[in-house]
Amino acid sequence: MPIASATNHGRVAAVVTGLLFLAVTMHQHVAGAAPAVPVHHVVGGDPGWDVASDVLAWSTDRHFAVGDSLWFAHEATDGGVAEVGGEAEFAACEVGNPIRMYTDGLSRVGLDDEGARYFVGADPAKCRSGLKLHVDVGAAVSAGASPRTEEDGAAATAPAPSASSGSPGVAVAPLVRAALCLVFVWGLMNLGA
């Protein structure tokens, strides 16, 4: 084999090795756990934080995870939302010593830690009429886990990568790039032959 041909085969081998490393790295990134996808929950759906909305029914089948946000939309004149410290204050609609008050009319509450959170109407009469929300915040959910879509359209999710129809949570674009890399490598190998 001539020296020039051996040099070209060495270059092709180096390119092939680099591209295969890239393809394996991309596959490991795709196959691994995807980062958490936060959900923005608009409490109460379309009516918002209001006695007219059935907040208990709204929250029944929802999953709240670290990284998600609660959005309380209410009239600023309604007194707002009080976050209380525990189940006893929640049950009694006791708002005398809240952890936080949200009175802006549109308040965002980040769910930064796991555990129970309790929200009640700052007006005790509205709280006793059912305007209260108990949230159990779980661990962050990876994008490849069970879907976290909101059926009523009241919550917005962060954009998720496209998924192939047969494998939920596996991004299509990186797989296509990996396939193109392999086709490129095959082409380089055949050029040198």
N, C-alpha and C. Protein backbone atom coordinates (compact mmCIF):
# COMPACT_ATOMS: atom_id res chain seq x y z
N MET A 1 0.86 -1.17 0.00
CA MET A 1 0.00 0.00 0.00
C MET A 1 0.90 1.23 0.00
N PRO A 2 0.65 2.19 -0.90
CA PRO A 2 1.46 3.40 -0.95
C PRO A 2 1.31 4.20 0.34
N ILE A 3 2.34 5.04 0.64
CA ILE A 3 2.35 5.84 1.86
C ILE A 3 1.19 6.82 1.88
N ALA A 4 0.88 7.46 0.76
CA ALA A 4 -0.23 8.43 0.70
C ALA A 4 -1.55 7.76 1.03
N SER A 5 -1.73 6.55 0.53
CA SER A 5 -2.97 5.82 0.79
C SER A 5 -3.08 5.45 2.27
N ALA A 6 -1.98 5.04 2.87
CA ALA A 6 -1.98 4.70 4.29
C ALA A 6 -2.29 5.93 5.13
N THR A 7 -1.76 7.09 4.76
CA THR A 7 -2.03 8.33 5.47
C THR A 7 -3.51 8.68 5.39
N ASN A 8 -4.10 8.54 4.19
CA ASN A 8 -5.52 8.83 4.03
C ASN A 8 -6.38 7.89 4.86
N HIS A 9 -6.00 6.60 4.89
CA HIS A 9 -6.75 5.65 5.71
C HIS A 9 -6.63 6.00 7.19
N GLY A 10 -5.47 6.51 7.61
CA GLY A 10 -5.29 6.93 9.00
C GLY A 10 -6.19 8.11 9.33
N ARG A 11 -6.30 9.05 8.38
CA ARG A 11 -7.18 10.21 8.59
C ARG A 11 -8.64 9.77 8.64
N VAL A 12 -9.00 8.88 7.73
CA VAL A 12 -10.37 8.39 7.71
C VAL A 12 -10.69 7.67 9.02
N ALA A 13 -9.73 6.88 9.50
CA ALA A 13 -9.94 6.17 10.76
C ALA A 13 -10.12 7.15 11.92
N ALA A 14 -9.34 8.23 11.92
CA ALA A 14 -9.46 9.24 12.97
C ALA A 14 -10.81 9.93 12.90
N VAL A 15 -11.25 10.26 11.69
CA VAL A 15 -12.56 10.90 11.52
C VAL A 15 -13.67 9.94 11.95
N VAL A 16 -13.56 8.69 11.54
CA VAL A 16 -14.56 7.69 11.91
C VAL A 16 -14.62 7.55 13.42
N THR A 17 -13.48 7.46 14.08
CA THR A 17 -13.44 7.33 15.53
C THR A 17 -14.08 8.54 16.20
N GLY A 18 -13.75 9.73 15.72
CA GLY A 18 -14.33 10.95 16.29
C GLY A 18 -15.84 11.01 16.12
N LEU A 19 -16.31 10.65 14.92
CA LEU A 19 -17.75 10.69 14.66
C LEU A 19 -18.50 9.62 15.44
N LEU A 20 -17.90 8.43 15.57
CA LEU A 20 -18.54 7.40 16.39
C LEU A 20 -18.61 7.84 17.86
N PHE A 21 -17.56 8.48 18.35
CA PHE A 21 -17.58 9.01 19.72
C PHE A 21 -18.70 10.03 19.86
N LEU A 22 -18.84 10.90 18.87
CA LEU A 22 -19.91 11.89 18.88
C LEU A 22 -21.28 11.22 18.88
N ALA A 23 -21.46 10.21 18.04
CA ALA A 23 -22.74 9.51 17.96
C ALA A 23 -23.06 8.82 19.27
N VAL A 24 -22.08 8.16 19.90
CA VAL A 24 -22.31 7.48 21.18
C VAL A 24 -22.65 8.50 22.26
N THR A 25 -21.93 9.62 22.29
CA THR A 25 -22.19 10.66 23.26
C THR A 25 -23.60 11.22 23.10
N MET A 26 -23.99 11.46 21.85
CA MET A 26 -25.34 11.97 21.60
C MET A 26 -26.38 10.96 22.04
N HIS A 27 -26.15 9.66 21.76
CA HIS A 27 -27.10 8.63 22.14
C HIS A 27 -27.22 8.55 23.66
N GLN A 28 -26.11 8.64 24.37
CA GLN A 28 -26.17 8.59 25.83
C GLN A 28 -26.93 9.78 26.38
N HIS A 29 -26.78 10.96 25.77
CA HIS A 29 -27.52 12.14 26.21
C HIS A 29 -29.02 11.94 25.97
N VAL A 30 -29.38 11.38 24.82
CA VAL A 30 -30.78 11.17 24.49
C VAL A 30 -31.38 10.08 25.37
N ALA A 31 -30.64 8.99 25.58
CA ALA A 31 -31.17 7.87 26.34
C ALA A 31 -31.23 8.15 27.84
N GLY A 32 -30.40 9.06 28.33
CA GLY A 32 -30.38 9.36 29.76
C GLY A 32 -31.60 10.15 30.18
N ALA A 33 -31.71 10.41 31.45
CA ALA A 33 -32.84 11.17 31.98
C ALA A 33 -32.81 12.59 31.45
N ALA A 34 -33.92 13.02 30.94
CA ALA A 34 -34.03 14.38 30.43
C ALA A 34 -34.24 15.33 31.59
N PRO A 35 -33.90 16.60 31.41
CA PRO A 35 -34.10 17.54 32.50
C PRO A 35 -35.58 17.72 32.79
N ALA A 36 -35.87 18.18 33.99
CA ALA A 36 -37.25 18.38 34.41
C ALA A 36 -37.95 19.40 33.53
N VAL A 37 -39.21 19.16 33.29
CA VAL A 37 -40.03 20.07 32.50
C VAL A 37 -41.03 20.72 33.46
N PRO A 38 -40.83 21.99 33.78
CA PRO A 38 -41.74 22.63 34.73
C PRO A 38 -43.12 22.87 34.14
N VAL A 39 -44.12 22.82 35.01
CA VAL A 39 -45.50 23.09 34.62
C VAL A 39 -45.94 24.34 35.36
N HIS A 40 -46.62 25.21 34.65
CA HIS A 40 -47.16 26.43 35.23
C HIS A 40 -48.66 26.20 35.43
N HIS A 41 -49.06 26.01 36.68
CA HIS A 41 -50.45 25.72 37.02
C HIS A 41 -51.20 27.02 37.30
N VAL A 42 -52.23 27.30 36.53
CA VAL A 42 -53.10 28.44 36.80
C VAL A 42 -54.18 27.93 37.73
N VAL A 43 -54.08 28.28 39.01
CA VAL A 43 -54.95 27.73 40.04
C VAL A 43 -56.41 28.07 39.76
N GLY A 44 -57.24 27.03 39.71
CA GLY A 44 -58.66 27.20 39.47
C GLY A 44 -59.04 27.20 38.01
N GLY A 45 -58.05 27.08 37.10
CA GLY A 45 -58.36 27.08 35.67
C GLY A 45 -58.79 28.46 35.20
N ASP A 46 -59.74 28.50 34.27
CA ASP A 46 -60.17 29.76 33.69
C ASP A 46 -60.74 30.76 34.70
N PRO A 47 -61.57 30.32 35.67
CA PRO A 47 -62.09 31.31 36.64
C PRO A 47 -61.01 31.87 37.56
N GLY A 48 -59.90 31.13 37.70
CA GLY A 48 -58.83 31.59 38.58
C GLY A 48 -59.14 31.34 40.04
N TRP A 49 -58.48 32.10 40.90
CA TRP A 49 -58.63 31.98 42.36
C TRP A 49 -59.91 32.72 42.74
N ASP A 50 -61.01 31.98 42.73
CA ASP A 50 -62.31 32.57 42.97
C ASP A 50 -63.22 31.52 43.59
N VAL A 51 -64.17 31.96 44.40
CA VAL A 51 -65.11 31.03 45.03
C VAL A 51 -65.89 30.27 43.95
N ALA A 52 -66.14 30.91 42.81
CA ALA A 52 -66.90 30.27 41.73
C ALA A 52 -66.15 29.08 41.12
N SER A 53 -64.82 29.06 41.22
CA SER A 53 -64.07 27.92 40.69
C SER A 53 -63.99 26.86 41.79
N ASP A 54 -64.07 25.63 41.40
CA ASP A 54 -63.97 24.53 42.36
C ASP A 54 -62.50 24.13 42.44
N VAL A 55 -61.77 24.83 43.31
CA VAL A 55 -60.32 24.62 43.41
C VAL A 55 -60.00 23.18 43.82
N LEU A 56 -60.81 22.59 44.69
CA LEU A 56 -60.57 21.21 45.11
C LEU A 56 -60.68 20.26 43.91
N ALA A 57 -61.73 20.39 43.12
CA ALA A 57 -61.89 19.55 41.92
C ALA A 57 -60.76 19.82 40.92
N TRP A 58 -60.40 21.08 40.76
CA TRP A 58 -59.33 21.45 39.84
C TRP A 58 -58.02 20.76 40.21
N SER A 59 -57.74 20.64 41.50
CA SER A 59 -56.45 20.12 41.95
C SER A 59 -56.42 18.60 42.13
N THR A 60 -57.55 17.95 42.06
CA THR A 60 -57.66 16.54 42.42
C THR A 60 -56.65 15.63 41.72
N ASP A 61 -56.55 15.65 40.42
CA ASP A 61 -55.65 14.72 39.71
C ASP A 61 -54.38 15.37 39.20
N ARG A 62 -54.05 16.51 39.72
CA ARG A 62 -52.83 17.21 39.29
C ARG A 62 -51.63 16.73 40.11
N HIS A 63 -50.49 16.74 39.43
CA HIS A 63 -49.24 16.38 40.09
C HIS A 63 -48.39 17.64 40.14
N PHE A 64 -47.95 18.00 41.32
CA PHE A 64 -47.14 19.19 41.53
C PHE A 64 -45.73 18.73 41.86
N ALA A 65 -44.74 19.30 41.18
CA ALA A 65 -43.36 18.86 41.35
C ALA A 65 -42.45 20.06 41.56
N VAL A 66 -41.31 19.80 42.17
CA VAL A 66 -40.30 20.83 42.35
C VAL A 66 -39.98 21.43 40.98
N GLY A 67 -39.95 22.75 40.91
CA GLY A 67 -39.69 23.44 39.66
C GLY A 67 -40.96 24.00 39.02
N ASP A 68 -42.11 23.45 39.38
CA ASP A 68 -43.38 23.95 38.87
C ASP A 68 -43.69 25.31 39.51
N SER A 69 -44.69 25.97 38.96
CA SER A 69 -45.16 27.25 39.50
C SER A 69 -46.67 27.23 39.64
N LEU A 70 -47.15 27.88 40.67
CA LEU A 70 -48.59 28.13 40.83
C LEU A 70 -48.82 29.58 40.46
N TRP A 71 -49.87 29.83 39.69
CA TRP A 71 -50.25 31.19 39.34
C TRP A 71 -51.64 31.44 39.92
N PHE A 72 -51.73 32.40 40.80
CA PHE A 72 -53.01 32.78 41.39
C PHE A 72 -53.49 34.05 40.69
N ALA A 73 -54.60 33.94 39.96
CA ALA A 73 -55.21 35.09 39.30
C ALA A 73 -56.48 35.44 40.07
N HIS A 74 -56.54 36.65 40.60
CA HIS A 74 -57.68 37.05 41.42
C HIS A 74 -57.84 38.56 41.36
N GLU A 75 -58.98 39.03 41.80
CA GLU A 75 -59.21 40.47 41.89
C GLU A 75 -58.40 41.00 43.08
N ALA A 76 -57.69 42.08 42.88
CA ALA A 76 -56.87 42.65 43.96
C ALA A 76 -57.74 43.06 45.15
N THR A 77 -59.00 43.37 44.91
CA THR A 77 -59.90 43.79 45.99
C THR A 77 -60.45 42.61 46.79
N ASP A 78 -60.19 41.38 46.35
CA ASP A 78 -60.72 40.18 47.04
C ASP A 78 -59.92 39.81 48.28
N GLY A 79 -58.87 40.50 48.59
CA GLY A 79 -58.06 40.16 49.75
C GLY A 79 -56.85 39.33 49.42
N GLY A 80 -56.90 38.58 48.33
CA GLY A 80 -55.74 37.83 47.89
C GLY A 80 -55.67 36.42 48.42
N VAL A 81 -54.45 35.92 48.48
CA VAL A 81 -54.15 34.55 48.86
C VAL A 81 -53.19 34.58 50.04
N ALA A 82 -53.47 33.77 51.04
CA ALA A 82 -52.58 33.64 52.19
C ALA A 82 -51.98 32.24 52.18
N GLU A 83 -50.67 32.16 52.29
CA GLU A 83 -50.04 30.86 52.48
C GLU A 83 -49.88 30.67 53.97
N VAL A 84 -50.48 29.60 54.47
CA VAL A 84 -50.44 29.33 55.91
C VAL A 84 -49.48 28.19 56.20
N GLY A 85 -49.09 28.09 57.48
CA GLY A 85 -48.01 27.20 57.85
C GLY A 85 -48.34 25.73 58.02
N GLY A 86 -49.61 25.38 58.15
CA GLY A 86 -49.89 23.98 58.37
C GLY A 86 -51.34 23.61 58.18
N GLU A 87 -51.60 22.32 58.40
CA GLU A 87 -52.92 21.76 58.16
C GLU A 87 -53.97 22.34 59.10
N ALA A 88 -53.60 22.63 60.34
CA ALA A 88 -54.58 23.18 61.30
C ALA A 88 -55.05 24.56 60.86
N GLU A 89 -54.13 25.43 60.47
CA GLU A 89 -54.51 26.76 59.98
C GLU A 89 -55.32 26.66 58.70
N PHE A 90 -54.96 25.71 57.86
CA PHE A 90 -55.65 25.48 56.60
C PHE A 90 -57.10 25.06 56.87
N ALA A 91 -57.29 24.08 57.74
CA ALA A 91 -58.63 23.57 58.04
C ALA A 91 -59.51 24.64 58.69
N ALA A 92 -58.91 25.48 59.56
CA ALA A 92 -59.67 26.49 60.31
C ALA A 92 -59.78 27.82 59.56
N CYS A 93 -59.16 27.91 58.38
CA CYS A 93 -59.13 29.18 57.62
C CYS A 93 -58.55 30.30 58.47
N GLU A 94 -57.51 29.97 59.21
CA GLU A 94 -56.84 30.93 60.10
C GLU A 94 -55.77 31.67 59.31
N VAL A 95 -56.00 32.96 59.07
CA VAL A 95 -55.07 33.76 58.27
C VAL A 95 -54.39 34.85 59.09
N GLY A 96 -54.47 34.73 60.42
CA GLY A 96 -53.90 35.76 61.29
C GLY A 96 -52.38 35.84 61.24
N ASN A 97 -51.71 34.74 60.96
CA ASN A 97 -50.25 34.72 60.95
C ASN A 97 -49.75 33.95 59.71
N PRO A 98 -49.99 34.48 58.52
CA PRO A 98 -49.60 33.74 57.31
C PRO A 98 -48.09 33.74 57.09
N ILE A 99 -47.64 32.76 56.36
CA ILE A 99 -46.24 32.72 55.93
C ILE A 99 -46.00 33.83 54.91
N ARG A 100 -46.91 33.93 53.94
CA ARG A 100 -46.85 34.96 52.90
C ARG A 100 -48.26 35.36 52.50
N MET A 101 -48.37 36.59 52.03
CA MET A 101 -49.62 37.08 51.46
C MET A 101 -49.35 37.44 50.00
N TYR A 102 -50.28 37.10 49.15
CA TYR A 102 -50.19 37.42 47.72
C TYR A 102 -51.41 38.27 47.39
N THR A 103 -51.20 39.55 47.12
CA THR A 103 -52.31 40.47 46.93
C THR A 103 -52.25 41.23 45.61
N ASP A 104 -51.35 40.88 44.72
CA ASP A 104 -51.13 41.63 43.48
C ASP A 104 -52.26 41.51 42.46
N GLY A 105 -53.02 40.46 42.51
CA GLY A 105 -54.01 40.19 41.47
C GLY A 105 -53.55 39.09 40.54
N LEU A 106 -52.25 38.98 40.35
CA LEU A 106 -51.64 37.88 39.61
C LEU A 106 -50.33 37.57 40.32
N SER A 107 -50.31 36.45 41.00
CA SER A 107 -49.15 36.10 41.83
C SER A 107 -48.59 34.76 41.41
N ARG A 108 -47.28 34.72 41.25
CA ARG A 108 -46.57 33.48 40.92
C ARG A 108 -45.91 32.95 42.18
N VAL A 109 -46.13 31.66 42.44
CA VAL A 109 -45.51 30.99 43.58
C VAL A 109 -44.69 29.84 43.03
N GLY A 110 -43.37 29.91 43.20
CA GLY A 110 -42.50 28.83 42.76
C GLY A 110 -42.52 27.69 43.75
N LEU A 111 -42.61 26.48 43.24
CA LEU A 111 -42.55 25.29 44.09
C LEU A 111 -41.11 24.79 44.08
N ASP A 112 -40.33 25.31 45.02
CA ASP A 112 -38.89 25.07 45.02
C ASP A 112 -38.44 23.88 45.86
N ASP A 113 -39.31 23.41 46.76
CA ASP A 113 -38.94 22.31 47.64
C ASP A 113 -40.07 21.29 47.72
N GLU A 114 -39.71 20.04 48.02
CA GLU A 114 -40.72 19.01 48.24
C GLU A 114 -41.44 19.26 49.56
N GLY A 115 -42.69 18.82 49.62
CA GLY A 115 -43.44 18.92 50.87
C GLY A 115 -44.80 19.55 50.67
N ALA A 116 -45.54 19.67 51.76
CA ALA A 116 -46.90 20.21 51.72
C ALA A 116 -46.88 21.73 51.76
N ARG A 117 -47.76 22.34 50.98
CA ARG A 117 -47.97 23.79 50.97
C ARG A 117 -49.47 24.02 51.10
N TYR A 118 -49.84 25.07 51.85
CA TYR A 118 -51.24 25.36 52.11
C TYR A 118 -51.56 26.80 51.75
N PHE A 119 -52.59 26.98 50.93
CA PHE A 119 -53.02 28.30 50.49
C PHE A 119 -54.51 28.45 50.77
N VAL A 120 -54.89 29.60 51.30
CA VAL A 120 -56.30 29.87 51.59
C VAL A 120 -56.66 31.28 51.13
N GLY A 121 -57.94 31.49 50.92
CA GLY A 121 -58.40 32.84 50.61
C GLY A 121 -58.10 33.73 51.80
N ALA A 122 -57.52 34.90 51.56
CA ALA A 122 -57.17 35.80 52.66
C ALA A 122 -58.41 36.30 53.38
N ASP A 123 -59.55 36.28 52.72
CA ASP A 123 -60.83 36.59 53.35
C ASP A 123 -61.36 35.28 53.94
N PRO A 124 -61.43 35.17 55.29
CA PRO A 124 -61.84 33.90 55.92
C PRO A 124 -63.20 33.40 55.43
N ALA A 125 -64.13 34.31 55.10
CA ALA A 125 -65.44 33.87 54.61
C ALA A 125 -65.29 33.13 53.28
N LYS A 126 -64.42 33.62 52.40
CA LYS A 126 -64.19 32.95 51.12
C LYS A 126 -63.47 31.62 51.34
N CYS A 127 -62.57 31.60 52.28
CA CYS A 127 -61.88 30.35 52.61
C CYS A 127 -62.90 29.31 53.08
N ARG A 128 -63.80 29.69 53.98
CA ARG A 128 -64.81 28.76 54.49
C ARG A 128 -65.77 28.33 53.38
N SER A 129 -65.87 29.11 52.31
CA SER A 129 -66.70 28.74 51.15
C SER A 129 -65.95 27.81 50.19
N GLY A 130 -64.75 27.42 50.55
CA GLY A 130 -64.00 26.45 49.75
C GLY A 130 -62.82 27.00 48.99
N LEU A 131 -62.51 28.25 49.16
CA LEU A 131 -61.39 28.84 48.44
C LEU A 131 -60.09 28.54 49.19
N LYS A 132 -59.58 27.33 48.97
CA LYS A 132 -58.33 26.88 49.60
C LYS A 132 -57.70 25.80 48.75
N LEU A 133 -56.39 25.70 48.88
CA LEU A 133 -55.63 24.74 48.07
C LEU A 133 -54.52 24.13 48.90
N HIS A 134 -54.52 22.80 48.98
CA HIS A 134 -53.44 22.05 49.61
C HIS A 134 -52.64 21.38 48.49
N VAL A 135 -51.34 21.61 48.46
CA VAL A 135 -50.48 21.08 47.41
C VAL A 135 -49.39 20.23 48.05
N ASP A 136 -49.27 19.00 47.58
CA ASP A 136 -48.15 18.14 47.97
C ASP A 136 -47.15 18.17 46.82
N VAL A 137 -46.01 18.81 47.07
CA VAL A 137 -44.99 18.97 46.04
C VAL A 137 -44.05 17.77 46.07
N GLY A 138 -43.97 17.07 44.94
CA GLY A 138 -43.10 15.91 44.82
C GLY A 138 -41.79 16.27 44.16
N ALA A 139 -40.96 15.26 43.98
CA ALA A 139 -39.66 15.45 43.33
C ALA A 139 -39.87 15.89 41.89
N ALA A 140 -38.87 16.56 41.35
CA ALA A 140 -38.93 16.99 39.95
C ALA A 140 -39.12 15.79 39.05
N VAL A 141 -39.89 15.95 38.00
CA VAL A 141 -40.20 14.89 37.07
C VAL A 141 -39.38 15.10 35.81
N SER A 142 -38.70 14.05 35.34
CA SER A 142 -37.91 14.20 34.12
C SER A 142 -38.83 14.23 32.91
N ALA A 143 -38.35 14.83 31.84
CA ALA A 143 -39.16 14.99 30.63
C ALA A 143 -39.52 13.64 30.02
N GLY A 144 -38.73 12.62 30.23
CA GLY A 144 -39.01 11.31 29.65
C GLY A 144 -39.97 10.49 30.47
N ALA A 145 -40.36 10.98 31.65
CA ALA A 145 -41.28 10.23 32.50
C ALA A 145 -42.70 10.39 32.00
N SER A 146 -43.65 9.97 32.81
CA SER A 146 -45.05 10.04 32.40
C SER A 146 -45.42 11.47 32.01
N PRO A 147 -46.29 11.60 31.02
CA PRO A 147 -46.65 12.93 30.53
C PRO A 147 -47.30 13.76 31.61
N ARG A 148 -47.06 15.08 31.58
CA ARG A 148 -47.62 15.99 32.56
C ARG A 148 -48.45 17.04 31.85
N THR A 149 -49.30 16.63 30.96
CA THR A 149 -50.11 17.59 30.23
C THR A 149 -51.33 17.96 31.05
N GLU A 150 -51.83 19.13 30.85
CA GLU A 150 -53.01 19.62 31.55
C GLU A 150 -54.18 19.57 30.58
N GLU A 151 -55.23 18.82 30.94
CA GLU A 151 -56.32 18.59 30.01
C GLU A 151 -57.19 19.82 29.77
N ASP A 152 -57.30 20.69 30.74
CA ASP A 152 -58.20 21.82 30.56
C ASP A 152 -57.54 23.00 29.86
N GLY A 153 -56.27 22.91 29.55
CA GLY A 153 -55.59 23.99 28.85
C GLY A 153 -55.26 25.17 29.74
N ALA A 154 -55.54 25.07 31.04
CA ALA A 154 -55.31 26.19 31.94
C ALA A 154 -53.86 26.28 32.37
N ALA A 155 -53.09 25.24 32.16
CA ALA A 155 -51.68 25.28 32.54
C ALA A 155 -50.83 25.20 31.30
N ALA A 156 -49.70 25.87 31.35
CA ALA A 156 -48.79 25.86 30.22
C ALA A 156 -47.54 25.11 30.61
N THR A 157 -47.06 24.25 29.73
CA THR A 157 -45.84 23.51 30.00
C THR A 157 -44.71 24.13 29.20
N ALA A 158 -43.52 23.97 29.71
CA ALA A 158 -42.35 24.43 28.96
C ALA A 158 -42.23 23.55 27.73
N PRO A 159 -41.68 24.07 26.64
CA PRO A 159 -41.57 23.27 25.43
C PRO A 159 -40.75 22.02 25.68
N ALA A 160 -41.24 20.89 25.20
CA ALA A 160 -40.53 19.63 25.35
C ALA A 160 -39.99 19.22 23.99
N PRO A 161 -38.94 18.42 23.98
CA PRO A 161 -38.42 17.97 22.70
C PRO A 161 -39.44 17.09 22.00
N SER A 162 -39.35 17.04 20.67
CA SER A 162 -40.23 16.16 19.91
C SER A 162 -39.94 14.73 20.29
N ALA A 163 -40.96 13.92 20.29
CA ALA A 163 -40.78 12.52 20.66
C ALA A 163 -41.20 11.64 19.49
N SER A 164 -40.50 10.51 19.34
CA SER A 164 -40.90 9.57 18.31
C SER A 164 -42.16 8.89 18.78
N SER A 165 -43.00 8.43 17.87
CA SER A 165 -44.28 7.86 18.25
C SER A 165 -44.11 6.57 19.02
N GLY A 166 -43.04 5.83 18.82
CA GLY A 166 -42.88 4.56 19.51
C GLY A 166 -42.16 4.66 20.84
N SER A 167 -41.42 5.70 21.09
CA SER A 167 -40.65 5.81 22.32
C SER A 167 -40.85 7.18 22.94
N PRO A 168 -41.84 7.33 23.83
CA PRO A 168 -42.07 8.64 24.42
C PRO A 168 -40.84 9.12 25.15
N GLY A 169 -40.54 10.40 24.99
CA GLY A 169 -39.45 11.01 25.71
C GLY A 169 -38.11 10.94 25.00
N VAL A 170 -38.03 10.24 23.87
CA VAL A 170 -36.78 10.16 23.13
C VAL A 170 -36.83 11.21 22.04
N ALA A 171 -35.91 12.12 22.07
CA ALA A 171 -35.92 13.21 21.10
C ALA A 171 -35.52 12.70 19.73
N VAL A 172 -36.26 13.14 18.71
CA VAL A 172 -36.02 12.68 17.35
C VAL A 172 -34.79 13.35 16.74
N ALA A 173 -34.66 14.66 16.89
CA ALA A 173 -33.58 15.39 16.22
C ALA A 173 -32.19 14.82 16.54
N PRO A 174 -31.84 14.54 17.80
CA PRO A 174 -30.51 13.97 18.05
C PRO A 174 -30.32 12.60 17.40
N LEU A 175 -31.38 11.80 17.31
CA LEU A 175 -31.25 10.49 16.66
C LEU A 175 -31.01 10.66 15.17
N VAL A 176 -31.67 11.62 14.57
CA VAL A 176 -31.45 11.90 13.15
C VAL A 176 -30.03 12.36 12.93
N ARG A 177 -29.52 13.23 13.81
CA ARG A 177 -28.13 13.69 13.68
C ARG A 177 -27.16 12.53 13.79
N ALA A 178 -27.43 11.61 14.73
CA ALA A 178 -26.55 10.46 14.90
C ALA A 178 -26.57 9.58 13.64
N ALA A 179 -27.75 9.39 13.07
CA ALA A 179 -27.86 8.59 11.85
C ALA A 179 -27.11 9.25 10.70
N LEU A 180 -27.25 10.57 10.59
CA LEU A 180 -26.53 11.29 9.53
C LEU A 180 -25.02 11.18 9.73
N CYS A 181 -24.57 11.23 10.97
CA CYS A 181 -23.14 11.06 11.24
C CYS A 181 -22.66 9.69 10.78
N LEU A 182 -23.46 8.66 11.07
CA LEU A 182 -23.06 7.31 10.65
C LEU A 182 -23.05 7.19 9.13
N VAL A 183 -24.01 7.80 8.44
CA VAL A 183 -24.02 7.78 6.98
C VAL A 183 -22.79 8.51 6.45
N PHE A 184 -22.43 9.62 7.08
CA PHE A 184 -21.24 10.38 6.68
C PHE A 184 -19.99 9.52 6.83
N VAL A 185 -19.89 8.83 7.96
CA VAL A 185 -18.74 7.97 8.21
C VAL A 185 -18.68 6.86 7.16
N TRP A 186 -19.81 6.25 6.87
CA TRP A 186 -19.86 5.19 5.86
C TRP A 186 -19.38 5.74 4.52
N GLY A 187 -19.84 6.98 4.18
CA GLY A 187 -19.41 7.60 2.93
C GLY A 187 -17.91 7.84 2.89
N LEU A 188 -17.34 8.32 4.01
CA LEU A 188 -15.89 8.53 4.06
C LEU A 188 -15.11 7.24 3.88
N MET A 189 -15.62 6.18 4.51
CA MET A 189 -14.93 4.90 4.41
C MET A 189 -14.95 4.38 2.97
N ASN A 190 -16.07 4.59 2.28
CA ASN A 190 -16.17 4.11 0.90
C ASN A 190 -15.38 4.98 -0.06
N LEU A 191 -15.16 6.25 0.27
CA LEU A 191 -14.34 7.12 -0.57
C LEU A 191 -12.89 6.65 -0.55
N GLY A 192 -12.44 6.22 0.62
CA GLY A 192 -11.04 5.80 0.76
C GLY A 192 -10.77 4.43 0.16
N ALA A 193 -11.81 3.66 -0.13
CA ALA A 193 -11.63 2.28 -0.61
C ALA A 193 -11.36 2.22 -2.09
